[in-house]
Amino acid sequence: MMRLSPREAVLALITLAIGLAALTWWGGARHLARWTTLGRTRDTLEQRRQVAERLVRKRAEVEGRLDELLRALPRYPADRDVTADLLKLVETTAAEHGLRLTRREPEREQSTGELYEVAINCNWEGTLEALVRFLFAIQSRGAVLDVRQLNVTSPKGTGSALSGTFSIACAYTRSRPTAAASGGPRHK
């Protein structure tokens, strides 16, 4: 059997310790990165859970406000085209406040659950005062009308006259069709 001198034994132990440390560091680095990722994921999930719990606690309040807003919206029959009525509403509101609409172009009706919406793109001309009064009137209607985009230009040499474009969203609900109107079963 071979005997190691004390100096060789110490060197062998130091080499073994450095090797074990290197292996631990190399193996642990991969795990450390994974643990860091898992920690971030855990934090993100915890934040999402807290938001979800807050939403669940406020569900009744939010549903109550939604029902209130839906009741405040105009209700139209399910089979009626309301674009003309909405165009007339926007034109009347603009005319009442001194804003002249030079072009009105409705988009297609969009629906999300019980809520329906038609966007109307308009070109307009008028004064700053007329524009402000028009926007205030739109805002006063609550959730029925909402200006989504507004562009204002001041043509050169026209003094206080302004022109521009806006896109206004008109929200409403629809009545559910009756069984007879929807082609459902009829009883004789």
N, C-alpha and C. Protein backbone atom coordinates (compact mmCIF):
# COMPACT_ATOMS: atom_id res chain seq x y z
N MET A 1 0.81 -1.16 0.00
CA MET A 1 0.00 0.00 0.00
C MET A 1 0.87 1.24 0.00
N MET A 2 0.37 2.22 -0.66
CA MET A 2 1.15 3.43 -0.79
C MET A 2 0.71 4.42 0.26
N ARG A 3 1.70 5.00 0.86
CA ARG A 3 1.41 5.98 1.91
C ARG A 3 1.66 7.36 1.34
N LEU A 4 0.79 8.30 1.73
CA LEU A 4 0.95 9.69 1.30
C LEU A 4 1.62 10.46 2.41
N SER A 5 2.47 11.34 2.00
CA SER A 5 3.08 12.20 3.00
C SER A 5 2.04 13.22 3.44
N PRO A 6 2.24 13.83 4.60
CA PRO A 6 1.26 14.82 5.06
C PRO A 6 1.04 15.95 4.03
N ARG A 7 2.09 16.35 3.37
CA ARG A 7 1.96 17.43 2.39
C ARG A 7 1.10 16.96 1.23
N GLU A 8 1.29 15.77 0.73
CA GLU A 8 0.50 15.22 -0.38
C GLU A 8 -0.95 15.02 0.04
N ALA A 9 -1.18 14.61 1.29
CA ALA A 9 -2.54 14.41 1.79
C ALA A 9 -3.29 15.74 1.83
N VAL A 10 -2.59 16.80 2.27
CA VAL A 10 -3.21 18.13 2.32
C VAL A 10 -3.52 18.60 0.90
N LEU A 11 -2.59 18.40 -0.04
CA LEU A 11 -2.82 18.81 -1.43
C LEU A 11 -3.98 18.01 -2.04
N ALA A 12 -4.07 16.72 -1.71
CA ALA A 12 -5.16 15.89 -2.22
C ALA A 12 -6.50 16.38 -1.67
N LEU A 13 -6.54 16.72 -0.39
CA LEU A 13 -7.79 17.24 0.22
C LEU A 13 -8.17 18.59 -0.39
N ILE A 14 -7.19 19.46 -0.62
CA ILE A 14 -7.48 20.77 -1.22
C ILE A 14 -7.99 20.58 -2.65
N THR A 15 -7.38 19.69 -3.42
CA THR A 15 -7.82 19.41 -4.79
C THR A 15 -9.23 18.84 -4.79
N LEU A 16 -9.51 17.92 -3.86
CA LEU A 16 -10.85 17.35 -3.73
C LEU A 16 -11.87 18.42 -3.37
N ALA A 17 -11.52 19.31 -2.44
CA ALA A 17 -12.42 20.39 -2.03
C ALA A 17 -12.70 21.34 -3.18
N ILE A 18 -11.67 21.70 -3.95
CA ILE A 18 -11.86 22.60 -5.09
C ILE A 18 -12.71 21.91 -6.16
N GLY A 19 -12.50 20.65 -6.38
CA GLY A 19 -13.30 19.90 -7.35
C GLY A 19 -14.76 19.84 -6.95
N LEU A 20 -14.99 19.54 -5.65
CA LEU A 20 -16.37 19.51 -5.17
C LEU A 20 -17.03 20.88 -5.26
N ALA A 21 -16.28 21.93 -4.94
CA ALA A 21 -16.81 23.29 -5.04
C ALA A 21 -17.17 23.63 -6.49
N ALA A 22 -16.29 23.24 -7.44
CA ALA A 22 -16.54 23.52 -8.85
C ALA A 22 -17.78 22.76 -9.33
N LEU A 23 -17.90 21.50 -8.95
CA LEU A 23 -19.07 20.71 -9.34
C LEU A 23 -20.35 21.30 -8.73
N THR A 24 -20.27 21.71 -7.48
CA THR A 24 -21.43 22.31 -6.82
C THR A 24 -21.83 23.61 -7.51
N TRP A 25 -20.84 24.44 -7.82
CA TRP A 25 -21.13 25.71 -8.48
C TRP A 25 -21.72 25.48 -9.87
N TRP A 26 -21.12 24.55 -10.63
CA TRP A 26 -21.61 24.27 -11.97
C TRP A 26 -23.03 23.70 -11.93
N GLY A 27 -23.30 22.77 -11.06
CA GLY A 27 -24.65 22.19 -10.94
C GLY A 27 -25.62 23.16 -10.31
N GLY A 28 -25.16 23.95 -9.37
CA GLY A 28 -26.04 24.89 -8.68
C GLY A 28 -26.41 26.09 -9.52
N ALA A 29 -25.53 26.48 -10.46
CA ALA A 29 -25.82 27.65 -11.29
C ALA A 29 -27.07 27.42 -12.13
N ARG A 30 -27.20 26.21 -12.68
CA ARG A 30 -28.40 25.89 -13.45
C ARG A 30 -29.63 25.93 -12.56
N HIS A 31 -29.51 25.36 -11.38
CA HIS A 31 -30.63 25.35 -10.45
C HIS A 31 -30.94 26.74 -9.92
N LEU A 32 -29.91 27.54 -9.71
CA LEU A 32 -30.12 28.90 -9.23
C LEU A 32 -30.91 29.72 -10.26
N ALA A 33 -30.55 29.58 -11.54
CA ALA A 33 -31.29 30.28 -12.60
C ALA A 33 -32.74 29.81 -12.63
N ARG A 34 -32.93 28.51 -12.47
CA ARG A 34 -34.30 27.96 -12.45
C ARG A 34 -35.05 28.45 -11.24
N TRP A 35 -34.42 28.49 -10.08
CA TRP A 35 -35.07 28.98 -8.86
C TRP A 35 -35.44 30.45 -9.00
N THR A 36 -34.55 31.23 -9.63
CA THR A 36 -34.84 32.65 -9.85
C THR A 36 -36.06 32.80 -10.74
N THR A 37 -36.11 32.02 -11.82
CA THR A 37 -37.26 32.06 -12.73
C THR A 37 -38.53 31.64 -12.01
N LEU A 38 -38.44 30.58 -11.23
CA LEU A 38 -39.60 30.12 -10.47
C LEU A 38 -40.05 31.17 -9.46
N GLY A 39 -39.10 31.86 -8.85
CA GLY A 39 -39.45 32.93 -7.90
C GLY A 39 -40.19 34.06 -8.59
N ARG A 40 -39.73 34.45 -9.77
CA ARG A 40 -40.41 35.51 -10.53
C ARG A 40 -41.81 35.06 -10.94
N THR A 41 -41.91 33.82 -11.39
CA THR A 41 -43.21 33.28 -11.78
C THR A 41 -44.15 33.25 -10.59
N ARG A 42 -43.64 32.85 -9.44
CA ARG A 42 -44.46 32.81 -8.23
C ARG A 42 -44.95 34.21 -7.87
N ASP A 43 -44.06 35.21 -7.97
CA ASP A 43 -44.46 36.59 -7.67
C ASP A 43 -45.54 37.08 -8.64
N THR A 44 -45.36 36.78 -9.92
CA THR A 44 -46.35 37.18 -10.93
C THR A 44 -47.70 36.51 -10.66
N LEU A 45 -47.67 35.23 -10.36
CA LEU A 45 -48.91 34.51 -10.07
C LEU A 45 -49.58 35.04 -8.80
N GLU A 46 -48.79 35.40 -7.82
CA GLU A 46 -49.34 35.97 -6.58
C GLU A 46 -50.03 37.30 -6.88
N GLN A 47 -49.41 38.13 -7.71
CA GLN A 47 -50.04 39.41 -8.07
C GLN A 47 -51.33 39.18 -8.83
N ARG A 48 -51.34 38.23 -9.75
CA ARG A 48 -52.56 37.91 -10.50
C ARG A 48 -53.65 37.39 -9.57
N ARG A 49 -53.26 36.57 -8.61
CA ARG A 49 -54.24 36.03 -7.65
C ARG A 49 -54.85 37.17 -6.84
N GLN A 50 -54.02 38.12 -6.41
CA GLN A 50 -54.54 39.25 -5.63
C GLN A 50 -55.50 40.09 -6.47
N VAL A 51 -55.16 40.32 -7.74
CA VAL A 51 -56.06 41.08 -8.62
C VAL A 51 -57.36 40.33 -8.81
N ALA A 52 -57.28 39.01 -9.02
CA ALA A 52 -58.48 38.20 -9.21
C ALA A 52 -59.35 38.23 -7.96
N GLU A 53 -58.75 38.16 -6.79
CA GLU A 53 -59.52 38.22 -5.54
C GLU A 53 -60.23 39.56 -5.40
N ARG A 54 -59.52 40.65 -5.76
CA ARG A 54 -60.16 41.98 -5.70
C ARG A 54 -61.33 42.06 -6.66
N LEU A 55 -61.16 41.50 -7.87
CA LEU A 55 -62.24 41.52 -8.84
C LEU A 55 -63.44 40.70 -8.36
N VAL A 56 -63.17 39.57 -7.75
CA VAL A 56 -64.25 38.74 -7.23
C VAL A 56 -65.00 39.48 -6.12
N ARG A 57 -64.25 40.17 -5.24
CA ARG A 57 -64.90 40.93 -4.16
C ARG A 57 -65.75 42.06 -4.71
N LYS A 58 -65.33 42.65 -5.83
CA LYS A 58 -66.06 43.79 -6.40
C LYS A 58 -67.05 43.38 -7.48
N ARG A 59 -67.22 42.11 -7.70
CA ARG A 59 -68.07 41.63 -8.80
C ARG A 59 -69.48 42.16 -8.69
N ALA A 60 -70.09 42.08 -7.52
CA ALA A 60 -71.47 42.54 -7.37
C ALA A 60 -71.58 44.03 -7.68
N GLU A 61 -70.61 44.80 -7.19
CA GLU A 61 -70.61 46.24 -7.45
C GLU A 61 -70.46 46.53 -8.94
N VAL A 62 -69.54 45.84 -9.60
CA VAL A 62 -69.30 46.06 -11.03
C VAL A 62 -70.53 45.63 -11.84
N GLU A 63 -71.12 44.49 -11.50
CA GLU A 63 -72.31 44.03 -12.21
C GLU A 63 -73.47 45.00 -12.01
N GLY A 64 -73.59 45.56 -10.82
CA GLY A 64 -74.64 46.54 -10.56
C GLY A 64 -74.44 47.79 -11.41
N ARG A 65 -73.20 48.26 -11.50
CA ARG A 65 -72.91 49.44 -12.33
C ARG A 65 -73.14 49.13 -13.81
N LEU A 66 -72.78 47.92 -14.23
CA LEU A 66 -72.99 47.54 -15.62
C LEU A 66 -74.49 47.49 -15.94
N ASP A 67 -75.27 46.89 -15.06
CA ASP A 67 -76.72 46.84 -15.27
C ASP A 67 -77.31 48.25 -15.33
N GLU A 68 -76.83 49.14 -14.47
CA GLU A 68 -77.29 50.53 -14.47
C GLU A 68 -76.96 51.21 -15.80
N LEU A 69 -75.75 50.99 -16.30
CA LEU A 69 -75.36 51.57 -17.58
C LEU A 69 -76.17 50.99 -18.73
N LEU A 70 -76.40 49.68 -18.70
CA LEU A 70 -77.19 49.05 -19.76
C LEU A 70 -78.63 49.57 -19.76
N ARG A 71 -79.19 49.83 -18.56
CA ARG A 71 -80.56 50.38 -18.49
C ARG A 71 -80.59 51.82 -19.02
N ALA A 72 -79.49 52.55 -18.89
CA ALA A 72 -79.45 53.94 -19.35
C ALA A 72 -79.31 54.04 -20.87
N LEU A 73 -78.86 52.98 -21.52
CA LEU A 73 -78.68 53.01 -22.97
C LEU A 73 -80.02 52.85 -23.67
N PRO A 74 -80.15 53.46 -24.84
CA PRO A 74 -81.39 53.25 -25.61
C PRO A 74 -81.50 51.79 -26.04
N ARG A 75 -82.73 51.30 -26.11
CA ARG A 75 -83.00 49.91 -26.50
C ARG A 75 -83.77 49.93 -27.82
N TYR A 76 -83.27 49.17 -28.78
CA TYR A 76 -83.91 49.09 -30.08
C TYR A 76 -84.34 47.65 -30.34
N PRO A 77 -85.35 47.46 -31.20
CA PRO A 77 -85.75 46.09 -31.57
C PRO A 77 -84.59 45.34 -32.25
N ALA A 78 -84.61 44.04 -32.11
CA ALA A 78 -83.50 43.22 -32.62
C ALA A 78 -83.34 43.30 -34.13
N ASP A 79 -84.42 43.49 -34.88
CA ASP A 79 -84.36 43.45 -36.33
C ASP A 79 -84.31 44.84 -36.98
N ARG A 80 -84.16 45.88 -36.21
CA ARG A 80 -84.21 47.25 -36.74
C ARG A 80 -82.81 47.80 -37.00
N ASP A 81 -82.63 48.45 -38.16
CA ASP A 81 -81.37 49.13 -38.47
C ASP A 81 -81.42 50.50 -37.82
N VAL A 82 -80.51 50.76 -36.92
CA VAL A 82 -80.55 52.00 -36.14
C VAL A 82 -79.55 53.04 -36.63
N THR A 83 -78.85 52.76 -37.70
CA THR A 83 -77.83 53.67 -38.19
C THR A 83 -78.40 55.04 -38.51
N ALA A 84 -79.56 55.10 -39.16
CA ALA A 84 -80.17 56.39 -39.51
C ALA A 84 -80.51 57.19 -38.25
N ASP A 85 -81.03 56.51 -37.23
CA ASP A 85 -81.37 57.19 -35.97
C ASP A 85 -80.12 57.76 -35.32
N LEU A 86 -79.03 56.99 -35.32
CA LEU A 86 -77.79 57.45 -34.70
C LEU A 86 -77.16 58.59 -35.48
N LEU A 87 -77.22 58.51 -36.82
CA LEU A 87 -76.73 59.62 -37.64
C LEU A 87 -77.51 60.90 -37.34
N LYS A 88 -78.83 60.76 -37.23
CA LYS A 88 -79.68 61.92 -36.94
C LYS A 88 -79.35 62.49 -35.56
N LEU A 89 -79.11 61.63 -34.58
CA LEU A 89 -78.76 62.08 -33.22
C LEU A 89 -77.46 62.88 -33.24
N VAL A 90 -76.45 62.39 -33.94
CA VAL A 90 -75.16 63.10 -34.01
C VAL A 90 -75.33 64.41 -34.77
N GLU A 91 -76.06 64.39 -35.89
CA GLU A 91 -76.27 65.61 -36.67
C GLU A 91 -77.04 66.66 -35.88
N THR A 92 -78.08 66.24 -35.19
CA THR A 92 -78.89 67.16 -34.39
C THR A 92 -78.06 67.78 -33.27
N THR A 93 -77.28 66.95 -32.58
CA THR A 93 -76.43 67.45 -31.50
C THR A 93 -75.42 68.45 -32.04
N ALA A 94 -74.82 68.16 -33.18
CA ALA A 94 -73.84 69.08 -33.78
C ALA A 94 -74.52 70.39 -34.19
N ALA A 95 -75.67 70.30 -34.85
CA ALA A 95 -76.37 71.51 -35.32
C ALA A 95 -76.82 72.38 -34.15
N GLU A 96 -77.28 71.76 -33.05
CA GLU A 96 -77.73 72.52 -31.88
C GLU A 96 -76.61 73.36 -31.29
N HIS A 97 -75.36 72.94 -31.50
CA HIS A 97 -74.23 73.64 -30.89
C HIS A 97 -73.37 74.37 -31.90
N GLY A 98 -73.88 74.53 -33.14
CA GLY A 98 -73.20 75.34 -34.14
C GLY A 98 -72.06 74.66 -34.86
N LEU A 99 -72.00 73.36 -34.82
CA LEU A 99 -70.96 72.62 -35.52
C LEU A 99 -71.57 72.07 -36.81
N ARG A 100 -70.91 72.28 -37.93
CA ARG A 100 -71.43 71.81 -39.22
C ARG A 100 -70.70 70.54 -39.62
N LEU A 101 -71.46 69.49 -39.84
CA LEU A 101 -70.88 68.21 -40.28
C LEU A 101 -70.88 68.18 -41.80
N THR A 102 -69.71 68.03 -42.40
CA THR A 102 -69.61 68.01 -43.86
C THR A 102 -69.60 66.59 -44.42
N ARG A 103 -69.31 65.61 -43.61
CA ARG A 103 -69.33 64.21 -44.04
C ARG A 103 -69.65 63.33 -42.84
N ARG A 104 -70.51 62.35 -43.04
CA ARG A 104 -70.86 61.39 -42.00
C ARG A 104 -70.79 60.00 -42.62
N GLU A 105 -69.96 59.15 -42.04
CA GLU A 105 -69.79 57.81 -42.59
C GLU A 105 -69.87 56.78 -41.47
N PRO A 106 -70.99 56.06 -41.39
CA PRO A 106 -71.11 55.05 -40.32
C PRO A 106 -70.34 53.77 -40.68
N GLU A 107 -69.84 53.12 -39.64
CA GLU A 107 -69.19 51.83 -39.82
C GLU A 107 -70.21 50.74 -39.52
N ARG A 108 -69.81 49.50 -39.64
CA ARG A 108 -70.71 48.38 -39.38
C ARG A 108 -70.96 48.23 -37.88
N GLU A 109 -72.11 47.71 -37.55
CA GLU A 109 -72.48 47.47 -36.15
C GLU A 109 -71.57 46.40 -35.54
N GLN A 110 -71.10 46.67 -34.34
CA GLN A 110 -70.29 45.71 -33.59
C GLN A 110 -71.09 45.31 -32.36
N SER A 111 -71.00 44.07 -31.96
CA SER A 111 -71.71 43.65 -30.74
C SER A 111 -70.76 42.90 -29.81
N THR A 112 -70.97 43.14 -28.53
CA THR A 112 -70.25 42.44 -27.48
C THR A 112 -71.27 42.08 -26.42
N GLY A 113 -71.71 40.85 -26.45
CA GLY A 113 -72.73 40.44 -25.49
C GLY A 113 -74.02 41.21 -25.73
N GLU A 114 -74.48 41.93 -24.70
CA GLU A 114 -75.72 42.70 -24.81
C GLU A 114 -75.50 44.11 -25.34
N LEU A 115 -74.27 44.51 -25.49
CA LEU A 115 -73.94 45.87 -25.90
C LEU A 115 -73.65 45.92 -27.40
N TYR A 116 -74.27 46.90 -28.08
CA TYR A 116 -74.05 47.10 -29.51
C TYR A 116 -73.46 48.48 -29.70
N GLU A 117 -72.69 48.64 -30.79
CA GLU A 117 -72.02 49.91 -31.03
C GLU A 117 -71.87 50.14 -32.53
N VAL A 118 -72.11 51.39 -32.93
CA VAL A 118 -71.87 51.82 -34.29
C VAL A 118 -70.96 53.03 -34.21
N ALA A 119 -69.84 52.99 -34.92
CA ALA A 119 -68.93 54.13 -34.98
C ALA A 119 -69.29 54.97 -36.19
N ILE A 120 -69.27 56.29 -36.01
CA ILE A 120 -69.57 57.21 -37.10
C ILE A 120 -68.37 58.14 -37.26
N ASN A 121 -67.80 58.16 -38.45
CA ASN A 121 -66.66 59.02 -38.76
C ASN A 121 -67.19 60.27 -39.44
N CYS A 122 -66.82 61.43 -38.92
CA CYS A 122 -67.36 62.70 -39.44
C CYS A 122 -66.25 63.69 -39.73
N ASN A 123 -66.48 64.52 -40.75
CA ASN A 123 -65.69 65.72 -40.99
C ASN A 123 -66.55 66.88 -40.49
N TRP A 124 -65.93 67.88 -39.88
CA TRP A 124 -66.70 68.98 -39.31
C TRP A 124 -66.01 70.31 -39.56
N GLU A 125 -66.80 71.38 -39.43
CA GLU A 125 -66.30 72.75 -39.51
C GLU A 125 -67.03 73.55 -38.46
N GLY A 126 -66.34 74.50 -37.84
CA GLY A 126 -66.98 75.36 -36.85
C GLY A 126 -65.94 76.12 -36.04
N THR A 127 -66.42 76.79 -35.02
CA THR A 127 -65.54 77.56 -34.15
C THR A 127 -65.12 76.70 -32.97
N LEU A 128 -64.14 77.19 -32.25
CA LEU A 128 -63.69 76.49 -31.05
C LEU A 128 -64.82 76.40 -30.03
N GLU A 129 -65.58 77.47 -29.88
CA GLU A 129 -66.71 77.48 -28.93
C GLU A 129 -67.75 76.43 -29.32
N ALA A 130 -68.06 76.32 -30.61
CA ALA A 130 -69.04 75.33 -31.06
C ALA A 130 -68.53 73.91 -30.80
N LEU A 131 -67.24 73.70 -31.04
CA LEU A 131 -66.64 72.38 -30.80
C LEU A 131 -66.71 72.01 -29.33
N VAL A 132 -66.36 72.96 -28.46
CA VAL A 132 -66.38 72.69 -27.02
C VAL A 132 -67.81 72.40 -26.55
N ARG A 133 -68.77 73.17 -27.03
CA ARG A 133 -70.18 72.92 -26.64
C ARG A 133 -70.65 71.56 -27.14
N PHE A 134 -70.27 71.21 -28.35
CA PHE A 134 -70.63 69.90 -28.90
C PHE A 134 -70.03 68.78 -28.06
N LEU A 135 -68.74 68.89 -27.75
CA LEU A 135 -68.08 67.85 -26.95
C LEU A 135 -68.70 67.74 -25.56
N PHE A 136 -69.08 68.88 -24.98
CA PHE A 136 -69.72 68.85 -23.67
C PHE A 136 -71.08 68.17 -23.76
N ALA A 137 -71.83 68.44 -24.83
CA ALA A 137 -73.13 67.79 -25.01
C ALA A 137 -72.97 66.28 -25.18
N ILE A 138 -71.95 65.87 -25.91
CA ILE A 138 -71.68 64.44 -26.09
C ILE A 138 -71.35 63.81 -24.74
N GLN A 139 -70.49 64.47 -23.97
CA GLN A 139 -70.10 63.96 -22.66
C GLN A 139 -71.30 63.88 -21.71
N SER A 140 -72.21 64.81 -21.82
CA SER A 140 -73.38 64.84 -20.95
C SER A 140 -74.35 63.70 -21.22
N ARG A 141 -74.25 63.08 -22.36
CA ARG A 141 -75.15 61.97 -22.70
C ARG A 141 -74.74 60.66 -22.02
N GLY A 142 -73.68 60.68 -21.24
CA GLY A 142 -73.25 59.48 -20.53
C GLY A 142 -72.59 58.50 -21.47
N ALA A 143 -72.99 57.24 -21.35
CA ALA A 143 -72.34 56.18 -22.12
C ALA A 143 -72.91 56.02 -23.52
N VAL A 144 -73.91 56.80 -23.89
CA VAL A 144 -74.56 56.63 -25.20
C VAL A 144 -73.61 57.03 -26.33
N LEU A 145 -72.96 58.18 -26.21
CA LEU A 145 -72.05 58.67 -27.24
C LEU A 145 -70.67 58.88 -26.64
N ASP A 146 -69.63 58.52 -27.42
CA ASP A 146 -68.26 58.66 -26.94
C ASP A 146 -67.36 59.04 -28.11
N VAL A 147 -66.69 60.17 -28.00
CA VAL A 147 -65.75 60.57 -29.05
C VAL A 147 -64.47 59.76 -28.85
N ARG A 148 -64.13 58.95 -29.83
CA ARG A 148 -62.97 58.08 -29.73
C ARG A 148 -61.72 58.73 -30.29
N GLN A 149 -61.90 59.54 -31.34
CA GLN A 149 -60.75 60.17 -31.96
C GLN A 149 -61.19 61.55 -32.44
N LEU A 150 -60.34 62.55 -32.20
CA LEU A 150 -60.65 63.92 -32.60
C LEU A 150 -59.40 64.56 -33.19
N ASN A 151 -59.53 65.09 -34.40
CA ASN A 151 -58.45 65.82 -35.06
C ASN A 151 -58.96 67.22 -35.35
N VAL A 152 -58.16 68.23 -35.01
CA VAL A 152 -58.54 69.63 -35.21
C VAL A 152 -57.47 70.31 -36.04
N THR A 153 -57.89 71.03 -37.08
CA THR A 153 -56.97 71.82 -37.88
C THR A 153 -57.51 73.23 -38.01
N SER A 154 -56.62 74.16 -38.20
CA SER A 154 -56.99 75.55 -38.37
C SER A 154 -56.52 75.99 -39.75
N PRO A 155 -57.45 76.06 -40.72
CA PRO A 155 -57.05 76.49 -42.07
C PRO A 155 -56.48 77.90 -42.04
N LYS A 156 -55.46 78.14 -42.83
CA LYS A 156 -54.79 79.44 -42.85
C LYS A 156 -55.73 80.51 -43.41
N GLY A 157 -55.71 81.68 -42.76
CA GLY A 157 -56.46 82.82 -43.23
C GLY A 157 -57.95 82.77 -42.94
N THR A 158 -58.40 81.86 -42.07
CA THR A 158 -59.84 81.77 -41.80
C THR A 158 -60.20 82.33 -40.43
N GLY A 159 -59.29 82.95 -39.75
CA GLY A 159 -59.61 83.54 -38.45
C GLY A 159 -59.88 82.50 -37.39
N SER A 160 -61.10 82.48 -36.86
CA SER A 160 -61.43 81.57 -35.76
C SER A 160 -62.05 80.27 -36.24
N ALA A 161 -62.17 80.08 -37.55
CA ALA A 161 -62.78 78.86 -38.07
C ALA A 161 -61.82 77.68 -37.92
N LEU A 162 -62.37 76.56 -37.50
CA LEU A 162 -61.62 75.33 -37.37
C LEU A 162 -62.29 74.26 -38.21
N SER A 163 -61.57 73.22 -38.49
CA SER A 163 -62.15 72.05 -39.15
C SER A 163 -61.40 70.83 -38.64
N GLY A 164 -61.91 69.67 -39.00
CA GLY A 164 -61.24 68.45 -38.57
C GLY A 164 -62.12 67.24 -38.76
N THR A 165 -61.75 66.19 -38.07
CA THR A 165 -62.49 64.93 -38.12
C THR A 165 -62.67 64.41 -36.71
N PHE A 166 -63.68 63.59 -36.53
CA PHE A 166 -63.82 62.86 -35.28
C PHE A 166 -64.51 61.54 -35.56
N SER A 167 -64.27 60.61 -34.69
CA SER A 167 -64.95 59.32 -34.73
C SER A 167 -65.73 59.20 -33.43
N ILE A 168 -67.02 58.99 -33.56
CA ILE A 168 -67.88 58.93 -32.39
C ILE A 168 -68.53 57.55 -32.33
N ALA A 169 -68.49 56.93 -31.16
CA ALA A 169 -69.09 55.61 -30.97
C ALA A 169 -70.45 55.79 -30.33
N CYS A 170 -71.46 55.16 -30.90
CA CYS A 170 -72.83 55.23 -30.40
C CYS A 170 -73.17 53.85 -29.82
N ALA A 171 -73.47 53.83 -28.53
CA ALA A 171 -73.75 52.56 -27.85
C ALA A 171 -75.25 52.42 -27.59
N TYR A 172 -75.74 51.17 -27.66
CA TYR A 172 -77.15 50.89 -27.42
C TYR A 172 -77.30 49.40 -27.15
N THR A 173 -78.50 49.02 -26.76
CA THR A 173 -78.82 47.60 -26.55
C THR A 173 -79.96 47.23 -27.49
N ARG A 174 -80.22 45.96 -27.58
CA ARG A 174 -81.31 45.47 -28.43
C ARG A 174 -82.23 44.58 -27.60
N SER A 175 -83.52 44.63 -27.97
CA SER A 175 -84.49 43.72 -27.35
C SER A 175 -84.27 42.34 -27.92
N ARG A 176 -84.52 41.35 -27.11
CA ARG A 176 -84.42 39.97 -27.60
C ARG A 176 -85.62 39.68 -28.49
N PRO A 177 -85.38 39.00 -29.61
CA PRO A 177 -86.51 38.69 -30.49
C PRO A 177 -87.47 37.71 -29.82
N THR A 178 -88.73 37.88 -30.11
CA THR A 178 -89.73 36.96 -29.56
C THR A 178 -89.66 35.66 -30.34
N ALA A 179 -90.25 34.60 -29.81
CA ALA A 179 -90.20 33.29 -30.46
C ALA A 179 -90.87 33.34 -31.83
N ALA A 180 -92.01 34.08 -31.97
CA ALA A 180 -92.70 34.17 -33.26
C ALA A 180 -91.88 34.93 -34.28
N ALA A 181 -91.21 36.01 -33.85
CA ALA A 181 -90.42 36.83 -34.76
C ALA A 181 -89.14 36.12 -35.18
N SER A 182 -88.60 35.27 -34.33
CA SER A 182 -87.33 34.62 -34.65
C SER A 182 -87.51 33.28 -35.37
N GLY A 183 -88.77 32.93 -35.69
CA GLY A 183 -88.99 31.67 -36.39
C GLY A 183 -88.96 30.48 -35.47
N GLY A 184 -89.15 30.70 -34.19
CA GLY A 184 -89.15 29.64 -33.21
C GLY A 184 -90.42 28.82 -33.28
N PRO A 185 -90.59 27.90 -32.37
CA PRO A 185 -91.77 27.04 -32.40
C PRO A 185 -93.04 27.85 -32.19
N ARG A 186 -94.06 27.50 -33.00
CA ARG A 186 -95.35 28.17 -32.89
C ARG A 186 -96.37 27.16 -32.41
N HIS A 187 -97.23 27.59 -31.53
CA HIS A 187 -98.26 26.70 -31.00
C HIS A 187 -99.58 27.02 -31.66
N LYS A 188 -100.34 25.98 -32.06
CA LYS A 188 -101.64 26.19 -32.72
C LYS A 188 -102.75 25.90 -31.75
